[in-house]
C-alpha atoms as a PDB file:
ATOM      1  CA  MET A   1       0.000   0.000   0.000  1.00  0.00           C
ATOM      2  CA  GLU A   2       1.282   3.454  -0.849  1.00  0.00           C
ATOM      3  CA  GLU A   3       2.593   5.496   2.081  1.00  0.00           C
ATOM      4  CA  TRP A   4      -0.155   8.145   1.922  1.00  0.00           C
ATOM      5  CA  LYS A   5      -2.900   5.510   1.738  1.00  0.00           C
ATOM      6  CA  LYS A   6      -1.493   3.729   4.762  1.00  0.00           C
ATOM      7  CA  ALA A   7      -1.267   7.025   6.681  1.00  0.00           C
ATOM      8  CA  TYR A   8      -4.889   7.815   5.752  1.00  0.00           C
ATOM      9  CA  CYS A   9      -6.086   4.381   6.854  1.00  0.00           C
ATOM     10  CA  ILE A  10      -4.309   4.810  10.195  1.00  0.00           C
ATOM     11  CA  ALA A  11      -5.856   8.269  10.707  1.00  0.00           C
ATOM     12  CA  PHE A  12      -9.286   6.941   9.742  1.00  0.00           C
ATOM     13  CA  GLY A  13      -8.958   4.012  12.144  1.00  0.00           C
ATOM     14  CA  ASN A  14      -7.899   6.338  14.952  1.00  0.00           C
ATOM     15  CA  ASN A  15     -10.930   8.533  14.327  1.00  0.00           C
ATOM     16  CA  LEU A  16     -13.203   5.495  14.369  1.00  0.00           C
ATOM     17  CA  LYS A  17     -11.684   4.409  17.698  1.00  0.00           C
ATOM     18  CA  LEU A  18     -12.457   7.853  19.128  1.00  0.00           C
ATOM     19  CA  LEU A  19     -16.038   7.700  17.854  1.00  0.00           C
ATOM     20  CA  ILE A  20     -16.545   4.263  19.376  1.00  0.00           C
ATOM     21  CA  LYS A  21     -15.243   5.533  22.715  1.00  0.00           C
ATOM     22  CA  LYS A  22     -17.275   8.773  22.482  1.00  0.00           C
ATOM     23  CA  HIS A  23     -20.486   6.828  21.871  1.00  0.00           C
ATOM     24  CA  ASN A  24     -19.653   4.421  24.701  1.00  0.00           C
ATOM     25  CA  THR A  25     -20.119   1.313  22.592  1.00  0.00           C
ATOM     26  CA  ASP A  26     -18.070  -1.576  21.249  1.00  0.00           C
ATOM     27  CA  VAL A  27     -17.324  -3.273  17.950  1.00  0.00           C
ATOM     28  CA  ALA A  28     -19.695  -6.181  18.596  1.00  0.00           C
ATOM     29  CA  THR A  29     -22.624  -3.833  19.174  1.00  0.00           C
ATOM     30  CA  ILE A  30     -21.826  -1.762  16.088  1.00  0.00           C
ATOM     31  CA  ALA A  31     -21.528  -4.924  13.998  1.00  0.00           C
ATOM     32  CA  SER A  32     -24.835  -6.244  15.299  1.00  0.00           C
ATOM     33  CA  ILE A  33     -26.774  -3.022  14.691  1.00  0.00           C
ATOM     34  CA  GLY A  34     -25.150  -2.395  11.320  1.00  0.00           C
ATOM     35  CA  ASN A  35     -25.458  -6.015  10.208  1.00  0.00           C
ATOM     36  CA  ILE A  36     -21.756  -6.243   9.352  1.00  0.00           C
ATOM     37  CA  GLU A  37     -19.078  -8.708  10.409  1.00  0.00           C
ATOM     38  CA  TYR A  38     -17.065  -7.437  13.351  1.00  0.00           C
ATOM     39  CA  LYS A  39     -13.888  -8.550  11.546  1.00  0.00           C
ATOM     40  CA  GLN A  40     -14.496  -5.885   8.905  1.00  0.00           C
ATOM     41  CA  ILE A  41     -14.576  -3.221  11.595  1.00  0.00           C
ATOM     42  CA  TYR A  42     -11.386  -4.515  13.207  1.00  0.00           C
ATOM     43  CA  ARG A  43      -9.655  -4.452   9.813  1.00  0.00           C
ATOM     44  CA  ILE A  44     -10.545  -0.771   9.469  1.00  0.00           C
ATOM     45  CA  LEU A  45      -9.478  -0.014  13.045  1.00  0.00           C
ATOM     46  CA  ASN A  46      -6.117  -1.713  12.466  1.00  0.00           C
ATOM     47  CA  ALA A  47      -5.560  -0.086   9.040  1.00  0.00           C
ATOM     48  CA  GLU A  48      -5.521  -3.481   7.345  1.00  0.00           C
ATOM     49  CA  ASN A  49      -8.149  -2.455   4.778  1.00  0.00           C
ATOM     50  CA  GLU A  50      -8.971   0.817   3.098  1.00  0.00           C
ATOM     51  CA  PRO A  51     -12.332   2.042   4.393  1.00  0.00           C
ATOM     52  CA  LYS A  52     -14.957   1.460   1.707  1.00  0.00           C
ATOM     53  CA  ILE A  53     -18.452   2.903   1.629  1.00  0.00           C
ATOM     54  CA  THR A  54     -20.002  -0.590   1.702  1.00  0.00           C
ATOM     55  CA  SER A  55     -18.409  -1.090   5.116  1.00  0.00           C
ATOM     56  CA  LEU A  56     -18.817   2.455   6.373  1.00  0.00           C
ATOM     57  CA  LEU A  57     -22.571   2.736   5.908  1.00  0.00           C
ATOM     58  CA  PRO A  58     -23.227  -0.131   8.357  1.00  0.00           C
ATOM     59  CA  VAL A  59     -20.602   1.235  10.769  1.00  0.00           C
ATOM     60  CA  ALA A  60     -22.291   4.648  10.782  1.00  0.00           C
ATOM     61  CA  LYS A  61     -25.658   2.967  11.305  1.00  0.00           C
ATOM     62  CA  GLY A  62     -24.213   0.931  14.171  1.00  0.00           C
ATOM     63  CA  LEU A  63     -22.851   4.079  15.795  1.00  0.00           C
ATOM     64  CA  GLY A  64     -26.054   6.020  15.118  1.00  0.00           C
ATOM     65  CA  ILE A  65     -24.184   8.823  13.322  1.00  0.00           C
ATOM     66  CA  PRO A  66     -24.189  10.326   9.829  1.00  0.00           C
ATOM     67  CA  VAL A  67     -21.622   8.766   7.498  1.00  0.00           C
ATOM     68  CA  MET A  68     -19.839  12.105   7.096  1.00  0.00           C
ATOM     69  CA  ALA A  69     -18.996  12.074  10.827  1.00  0.00           C
ATOM     70  CA  LEU A  70     -16.605   9.207  10.085  1.00  0.00           C
ATOM     71  CA  PHE A  71     -14.589  11.580   7.895  1.00  0.00           C
ATOM     72  CA  ASP A  72     -14.461  14.451  10.376  1.00  0.00           C
ATOM     73  CA  PHE A  73     -10.748  14.337  11.205  1.00  0.00           C
ATOM     74  CA  GLU A  74      -7.526  16.062  10.201  1.00  0.00           C
ATOM     75  CA  PHE A  75      -5.220  14.337   7.747  1.00  0.00           C
ATOM     76  CA  SER A  76      -2.029  15.690   6.219  1.00  0.00           C
ATOM     77  CA  MET A  77      -0.653  14.085   3.099  1.00  0.00           C
ATOM     78  CA  PRO A  78       2.836  12.726   3.757  1.00  0.00           C
ATOM     79  CA  LYS A  79       5.462  13.984   1.342  1.00  0.00           C
END
């Protein structure tokens, strides 16, 4: 994976961790509500997969937030 993509995936995963903590929930609950496998969420959290909309819609549903809230974080492109 290109360096900037990896950095983005890490930043995205960190933001998702913060959202999970802020909403006082866990991955299993999000997966259950969003009807998604918990492994998919862990792969995003650990920057193993690039976040794709097909995974993010259920995650947002599981958190009870708008999808755009998942993208509300700072990210600087590495040089």
